[in-house]
């Protein structure tokens, strides 16, 4: 019957002490956690938590407000929404802060 060493080949599951303990004392080896396993549960939850975007594009603003994209482009400055232009020319994207849009919506609430 062939019994395998649970610590793996070439590993001694029990190490001899070389410190201040009596000669020949046997000290069990404590397995060390993998570096990734030493992270806390908070770190794990941060990796899996979805993050709301800070900036959203004009099409998303239009959908959120049930308006057209051309209306958003035309009325954004009148509404106090400041756009952030990314890129150049015709393909430049205009993004808006989500918080500013919600702030503006709150101001439009009928009491």
C-alpha atoms as a PDB file:
ATOM      1  CA  UNK A   1       0.000   0.000   0.000  1.00  0.00           C
ATOM      2  CA  UNK A   2       1.442   3.331  -1.106  1.00  0.00           C
ATOM      3  CA  UNK A   3       0.674   6.268   1.191  1.00  0.00           C
ATOM      4  CA  UNK A   4       1.332   9.731  -0.130  1.00  0.00           C
ATOM      5  CA  UNK A   5       2.668  12.511   2.022  1.00  0.00           C
ATOM      6  CA  UNK A   6      -0.144  15.100   2.514  1.00  0.00           C
ATOM      7  CA  UNK A   7       2.395  17.950   2.577  1.00  0.00           C
ATOM      8  CA  UNK A   8       3.516  17.076  -0.934  1.00  0.00           C
ATOM      9  CA  UNK A   9       6.643  15.493  -2.320  1.00  0.00           C
ATOM     10  CA  UNK A  10       9.884  16.747  -0.881  1.00  0.00           C
ATOM     11  CA  UNK A  11       8.207  18.568   2.021  1.00  0.00           C
ATOM     12  CA  UNK A  12       8.551  17.591   5.624  1.00  0.00           C
ATOM     13  CA  UNK A  13       5.206  18.094   7.411  1.00  0.00           C
ATOM     14  CA  UNK A  14       7.127  18.458  10.679  1.00  0.00           C
ATOM     15  CA  UNK A  15      10.159  20.676  10.964  1.00  0.00           C
ATOM     16  CA  UNK A  16      12.858  20.391  13.577  1.00  0.00           C
ATOM     17  CA  UNK A  17      13.201  23.476  15.737  1.00  0.00           C
ATOM     18  CA  UNK A  18      16.414  25.491  15.624  1.00  0.00           C
ATOM     19  CA  UNK A  19      15.304  28.157  18.134  1.00  0.00           C
ATOM     20  CA  UNK A  20      15.409  28.232  21.934  1.00  0.00           C
ATOM     21  CA  UNK A  21      13.351  25.055  22.262  1.00  0.00           C
ATOM     22  CA  UNK A  22      14.938  21.851  23.551  1.00  0.00           C
ATOM     23  CA  UNK A  23      17.033  19.836  21.112  1.00  0.00           C
ATOM     24  CA  UNK A  24      14.876  17.595  18.943  1.00  0.00           C
ATOM     25  CA  UNK A  25      11.587  19.397  19.748  1.00  0.00           C
ATOM     26  CA  UNK A  26       9.043  18.945  16.991  1.00  0.00           C
ATOM     27  CA  UNK A  27       7.173  22.040  15.779  1.00  0.00           C
ATOM     28  CA  UNK A  28       4.262  21.594  13.361  1.00  0.00           C
ATOM     29  CA  UNK A  29       4.382  23.653  10.173  1.00  0.00           C
ATOM     30  CA  UNK A  30       1.499  26.106   9.877  1.00  0.00           C
ATOM     31  CA  UNK A  31       0.428  26.657   6.275  1.00  0.00           C
ATOM     32  CA  UNK A  32       0.743  30.281   5.162  1.00  0.00           C
ATOM     33  CA  UNK A  33      -2.200  31.838   3.280  1.00  0.00           C
ATOM     34  CA  UNK A  34      -1.791  32.708  -0.363  1.00  0.00           C
ATOM     35  CA  UNK A  35      -1.150  36.477  -0.822  1.00  0.00           C
ATOM     36  CA  UNK A  36      -4.524  36.882  -2.591  1.00  0.00           C
ATOM     37  CA  UNK A  37      -6.298  35.155   0.295  1.00  0.00           C
ATOM     38  CA  UNK A  38      -4.915  37.631   2.814  1.00  0.00           C
ATOM     39  CA  UNK A  39      -7.187  40.377   1.478  1.00  0.00           C
ATOM     40  CA  UNK A  40     -10.158  41.303   3.589  1.00  0.00           C
ATOM     41  CA  UNK A  41     -13.787  40.712   2.696  1.00  0.00           C
ATOM     42  CA  UNK A  42     -14.106  44.434   2.026  1.00  0.00           C
ATOM     43  CA  UNK A  43     -11.536  44.203  -0.758  1.00  0.00           C
ATOM     44  CA  UNK A  44     -13.437  41.288  -2.289  1.00  0.00           C
ATOM     45  CA  UNK A  45     -16.757  43.132  -2.163  1.00  0.00           C
ATOM     46  CA  UNK A  46     -15.191  46.171  -3.851  1.00  0.00           C
ATOM     47  CA  UNK A  47     -14.047  44.044  -6.757  1.00  0.00           C
ATOM     48  CA  UNK A  48     -17.533  42.670  -7.347  1.00  0.00           C
ATOM     49  CA  UNK A  49     -19.511  45.837  -6.664  1.00  0.00           C
ATOM     50  CA  UNK A  50     -20.671  47.696  -9.755  1.00  0.00           C
ATOM     51  CA  UNK A  51     -19.815  51.367  -9.848  1.00  0.00           C
ATOM     52  CA  UNK A  52     -22.294  53.931 -11.126  1.00  0.00           C
ATOM     53  CA  UNK A  53     -20.763  56.092 -13.841  1.00  0.00           C
ATOM     54  CA  UNK A  54     -20.161  59.748 -12.951  1.00  0.00           C
ATOM     55  CA  UNK A  55     -20.545  60.931 -16.534  1.00  0.00           C
ATOM     56  CA  UNK A  56     -23.215  59.814 -18.990  1.00  0.00           C
ATOM     57  CA  UNK A  57     -23.524  60.554 -22.684  1.00  0.00           C
ATOM     58  CA  UNK A  58     -26.148  62.645 -24.430  1.00  0.00           C
ATOM     59  CA  UNK A  59     -28.205  59.652 -25.574  1.00  0.00           C
ATOM     60  CA  UNK A  60     -28.496  58.394 -21.984  1.00  0.00           C
ATOM     61  CA  UNK A  61     -29.513  61.863 -20.780  1.00  0.00           C
ATOM     62  CA  UNK A  62     -32.150  62.034 -23.512  1.00  0.00           C
ATOM     63  CA  UNK A  63     -33.505  58.614 -22.552  1.00  0.00           C
ATOM     64  CA  UNK A  64     -33.527  59.531 -18.867  1.00  0.00           C
ATOM     65  CA  UNK A  65     -35.500  62.724 -19.571  1.00  0.00           C
ATOM     66  CA  UNK A  66     -37.708  61.160 -22.277  1.00  0.00           C
ATOM     67  CA  UNK A  67     -36.517  63.741 -24.764  1.00  0.00           C
ATOM     68  CA  UNK A  68     -34.537  63.660 -28.012  1.00  0.00           C
ATOM     69  CA  UNK A  69     -30.777  63.999 -28.198  1.00  0.00           C
ATOM     70  CA  UNK A  70     -31.121  67.179 -30.264  1.00  0.00           C
ATOM     71  CA  UNK A  71     -33.274  68.657 -27.472  1.00  0.00           C
ATOM     72  CA  UNK A  72     -30.556  67.818 -24.928  1.00  0.00           C
ATOM     73  CA  UNK A  73     -27.844  69.467 -27.067  1.00  0.00           C
ATOM     74  CA  UNK A  74     -30.028  72.556 -27.619  1.00  0.00           C
ATOM     75  CA  UNK A  75     -31.333  72.979 -24.064  1.00  0.00           C
ATOM     76  CA  UNK A  76     -28.422  71.778 -21.934  1.00  0.00           C
ATOM     77  CA  UNK A  77     -26.834  75.180 -21.423  1.00  0.00           C
ATOM     78  CA  UNK A  78     -30.249  76.751 -20.684  1.00  0.00           C
ATOM     79  CA  UNK A  79     -30.840  74.065 -18.063  1.00  0.00           C
ATOM     80  CA  UNK A  80     -27.486  74.736 -16.434  1.00  0.00           C
ATOM     81  CA  UNK A  81     -26.038  71.392 -17.510  1.00  0.00           C
ATOM     82  CA  UNK A  82     -22.387  71.692 -18.397  1.00  0.00           C
ATOM     83  CA  UNK A  83     -21.169  69.219 -20.979  1.00  0.00           C
ATOM     84  CA  UNK A  84     -17.707  67.714 -21.140  1.00  0.00           C
ATOM     85  CA  UNK A  85     -16.522  67.274 -24.707  1.00  0.00           C
ATOM     86  CA  UNK A  86     -14.265  64.276 -25.309  1.00  0.00           C
ATOM     87  CA  UNK A  87     -12.609  64.085 -28.688  1.00  0.00           C
ATOM     88  CA  UNK A  88     -12.614  66.372 -31.695  1.00  0.00           C
ATOM     89  CA  UNK A  89     -14.791  67.058 -34.678  1.00  0.00           C
ATOM     90  CA  UNK A  90     -18.007  65.291 -35.582  1.00  0.00           C
ATOM     91  CA  UNK A  91     -17.291  62.192 -33.520  1.00  0.00           C
ATOM     92  CA  UNK A  92     -16.636  64.056 -30.272  1.00  0.00           C
ATOM     93  CA  UNK A  93     -18.695  62.785 -27.377  1.00  0.00           C
ATOM     94  CA  UNK A  94     -20.423  65.154 -24.988  1.00  0.00           C
ATOM     95  CA  UNK A  95     -20.827  63.797 -21.468  1.00  0.00           C
ATOM     96  CA  UNK A  96     -22.796  65.193 -18.548  1.00  0.00           C
ATOM     97  CA  UNK A  97     -22.498  64.693 -14.816  1.00  0.00           C
ATOM     98  CA  UNK A  98     -25.200  62.373 -13.570  1.00  0.00           C
ATOM     99  CA  UNK A  99     -25.467  64.315 -10.293  1.00  0.00           C
ATOM    100  CA  UNK A 100     -26.141  67.598 -12.154  1.00  0.00           C
ATOM    101  CA  UNK A 101     -28.951  65.980 -14.110  1.00  0.00           C
ATOM    102  CA  UNK A 102     -30.604  64.662 -10.946  1.00  0.00           C
ATOM    103  CA  UNK A 103     -30.121  68.061  -9.292  1.00  0.00           C
ATOM    104  CA  UNK A 104     -31.863  69.749 -12.225  1.00  0.00           C
ATOM    105  CA  UNK A 105     -34.669  67.184 -12.119  1.00  0.00           C
ATOM    106  CA  UNK A 106     -35.228  67.884  -8.409  1.00  0.00           C
ATOM    107  CA  UNK A 107     -35.591  71.598  -9.229  1.00  0.00           C
ATOM    108  CA  UNK A 108     -38.298  70.753 -11.777  1.00  0.00           C
ATOM    109  CA  UNK A 109     -40.418  68.938  -9.216  1.00  0.00           C
ATOM    110  CA  UNK A 110     -43.952  70.269  -8.907  1.00  0.00           C
ATOM    111  CA  UNK A 111     -44.792  70.751  -5.232  1.00  0.00           C
END
